Amino acid sequence: MKVQVCKWKTCTERFSEYIATRLENDKKLYNCDNVVIEESKCMGHCKCWPNIKVDGKLESYANPAKASELVRTKQKHAQHQKWHKRQR
């Protein structure tokens, strides 16, 4: 899973660095080795800041808790799908 956190001026003014820090901490805490967290340039949705992308899907009005929950939910869903494929 690839998570991009906008680090451009408007999003940074709205604390996007805290989102990145929270996701990095979650990655370690939950052993999410398949999660890649990257900084991103402007995503072009400055009116809806701060912005993140999870596997290419834009998520606006992000905050650390919302971003964390979104990534953990997607991670659980991916693990669930993987488990179902093995059961077939």
C-alpha atoms as a PDB file:
ATOM      1  CA  MET A   1       0.000   0.000   0.000  1.00  0.00           C
ATOM      2  CA  LYS A   2       1.330   3.411  -0.948  1.00  0.00           C
ATOM      3  CA  VAL A   3       0.401   6.489   1.089  1.00  0.00           C
ATOM      4  CA  GLN A   4       1.390   9.935  -0.116  1.00  0.00           C
ATOM      5  CA  VAL A   5       1.162  12.901   2.239  1.00  0.00           C
ATOM      6  CA  CYS A   6       1.117  16.370   0.700  1.00  0.00           C
ATOM      7  CA  LYS A   7       3.950  18.461   2.080  1.00  0.00           C
ATOM      8  CA  TRP A   8       3.250  21.574   0.051  1.00  0.00           C
ATOM      9  CA  LYS A   9       2.686  24.923   1.742  1.00  0.00           C
ATOM     10  CA  THR A  10      -1.065  24.870   2.363  1.00  0.00           C
ATOM     11  CA  CYS A  11      -1.167  21.295   3.649  1.00  0.00           C
ATOM     12  CA  THR A  12       1.944  21.811   5.757  1.00  0.00           C
ATOM     13  CA  GLU A  13       0.291  24.855   7.333  1.00  0.00           C
ATOM     14  CA  ARG A  14      -2.531  22.490   8.293  1.00  0.00           C
ATOM     15  CA  PHE A  15      -0.159  20.061   9.982  1.00  0.00           C
ATOM     16  CA  SER A  16       0.354  17.416   7.307  1.00  0.00           C
ATOM     17  CA  GLU A  17       3.686  16.602   8.988  1.00  0.00           C
ATOM     18  CA  TYR A  18       1.688  15.241  11.945  1.00  0.00           C
ATOM     19  CA  ILE A  19      -0.201  12.965   9.585  1.00  0.00           C
ATOM     20  CA  ALA A  20       3.069  11.579   8.213  1.00  0.00           C
ATOM     21  CA  THR A  21       4.445  11.100  11.733  1.00  0.00           C
ATOM     22  CA  ARG A  22       1.294   9.305  12.899  1.00  0.00           C
ATOM     23  CA  LEU A  23       1.373   6.981   9.889  1.00  0.00           C
ATOM     24  CA  GLU A  24       5.055   6.182  10.424  1.00  0.00           C
ATOM     25  CA  ASN A  25       4.349   5.389  14.070  1.00  0.00           C
ATOM     26  CA  ASP A  26       1.367   3.203  13.117  1.00  0.00           C
ATOM     27  CA  LYS A  27       3.496   1.405  10.555  1.00  0.00           C
ATOM     28  CA  LYS A  28       5.949   0.403  13.291  1.00  0.00           C
ATOM     29  CA  LEU A  29       3.312  -0.293  15.924  1.00  0.00           C
ATOM     30  CA  TYR A  30       1.193  -2.569  13.706  1.00  0.00           C
ATOM     31  CA  ASN A  31       4.098  -4.113  11.739  1.00  0.00           C
ATOM     32  CA  CYS A  32       2.785  -2.866   8.399  1.00  0.00           C
ATOM     33  CA  ASP A  33       5.841  -3.643   6.308  1.00  0.00           C
ATOM     34  CA  ASN A  34       3.892  -3.384   3.062  1.00  0.00           C
ATOM     35  CA  VAL A  35       2.888   0.248   3.720  1.00  0.00           C
ATOM     36  CA  VAL A  36       5.068   2.843   1.993  1.00  0.00           C
ATOM     37  CA  ILE A  37       4.696   6.417   3.202  1.00  0.00           C
ATOM     38  CA  GLU A  38       5.978   9.163   0.945  1.00  0.00           C
ATOM     39  CA  GLU A  39       5.984  12.931   0.905  1.00  0.00           C
ATOM     40  CA  SER A  40       4.197  14.458  -2.058  1.00  0.00           C
ATOM     41  CA  LYS A  41       4.172  17.764  -3.826  1.00  0.00           C
ATOM     42  CA  CYS A  42       0.906  19.635  -4.243  1.00  0.00           C
ATOM     43  CA  MET A  43      -2.013  17.391  -5.187  1.00  0.00           C
ATOM     44  CA  GLY A  44      -4.011  20.295  -6.616  1.00  0.00           C
ATOM     45  CA  HIS A  45      -6.798  20.310  -4.033  1.00  0.00           C
ATOM     46  CA  CYS A  46      -5.569  23.097  -1.772  1.00  0.00           C
ATOM     47  CA  LYS A  47      -9.082  24.186  -0.795  1.00  0.00           C
ATOM     48  CA  CYS A  48      -9.630  20.758   0.813  1.00  0.00           C
ATOM     49  CA  TRP A  49      -6.374  20.521   2.762  1.00  0.00           C
ATOM     50  CA  PRO A  50      -4.591  18.648   4.091  1.00  0.00           C
ATOM     51  CA  ASN A  51      -4.573  15.961   1.429  1.00  0.00           C
ATOM     52  CA  ILE A  52      -3.269  12.420   1.277  1.00  0.00           C
ATOM     53  CA  LYS A  53      -3.470   9.694  -1.339  1.00  0.00           C
ATOM     54  CA  VAL A  54      -3.873   6.048  -0.434  1.00  0.00           C
ATOM     55  CA  ASP A  55      -3.090   3.767  -3.371  1.00  0.00           C
ATOM     56  CA  GLY A  56      -3.737   6.707  -5.694  1.00  0.00           C
ATOM     57  CA  LYS A  57      -7.134   7.659  -4.201  1.00  0.00           C
ATOM     58  CA  LEU A  58      -7.294  11.237  -2.943  1.00  0.00           C
ATOM     59  CA  GLU A  59      -8.505  11.749   0.622  1.00  0.00           C
ATOM     60  CA  SER A  60      -9.144  15.387   1.519  1.00  0.00           C
ATOM     61  CA  TYR A  61      -9.653  17.099   4.867  1.00  0.00           C
ATOM     62  CA  ALA A  62      -7.284  14.570   6.427  1.00  0.00           C
ATOM     63  CA  ASN A  63      -6.106  14.635   9.993  1.00  0.00           C
ATOM     64  CA  PRO A  64      -3.795  12.233  11.834  1.00  0.00           C
ATOM     65  CA  ALA A  65      -6.602  10.122  13.321  1.00  0.00           C
ATOM     66  CA  LYS A  66      -8.588   9.934  10.066  1.00  0.00           C
ATOM     67  CA  ALA A  67      -5.490   9.006   8.045  1.00  0.00           C
ATOM     68  CA  SER A  68      -4.490   6.371  10.586  1.00  0.00           C
ATOM     69  CA  GLU A  69      -7.941   4.766  10.601  1.00  0.00           C
ATOM     70  CA  LEU A  70      -8.130   4.806   6.805  1.00  0.00           C
ATOM     71  CA  VAL A  71      -4.764   3.078   6.401  1.00  0.00           C
ATOM     72  CA  ARG A  72      -5.494   0.503   9.115  1.00  0.00           C
ATOM     73  CA  THR A  73      -8.895  -0.285   7.576  1.00  0.00           C
ATOM     74  CA  LYS A  74      -7.364  -0.759   4.136  1.00  0.00           C
ATOM     75  CA  GLN A  75      -4.601  -2.891   5.662  1.00  0.00           C
ATOM     76  CA  LYS A  76      -7.139  -5.145   7.423  1.00  0.00           C
ATOM     77  CA  HIS A  77      -9.179  -5.432   4.231  1.00  0.00           C
ATOM     78  CA  ALA A  78      -6.092  -6.448   2.232  1.00  0.00           C
ATOM     79  CA  GLN A  79      -5.163  -9.073   4.844  1.00  0.00           C
ATOM     80  CA  HIS A  80      -8.729 -10.401   4.832  1.00  0.00           C
ATOM     81  CA  GLN A  81      -8.703 -10.743   1.035  1.00  0.00           C
ATOM     82  CA  LYS A  82      -5.330 -12.494   1.162  1.00  0.00           C
ATOM     83  CA  TRP A  83      -6.682 -14.945   3.749  1.00  0.00           C
ATOM     84  CA  HIS A  84      -9.739 -15.708   1.586  1.00  0.00           C
ATOM     85  CA  LYS A  85      -7.557 -16.401  -1.456  1.00  0.00           C
ATOM     86  CA  ARG A  86      -5.543 -18.927   0.558  1.00  0.00           C
ATOM     87  CA  GLN A  87      -8.739 -20.666   1.684  1.00  0.00           C
ATOM     88  CA  ARG A  88      -9.874 -21.364  -1.876  1.00  0.00           C
END
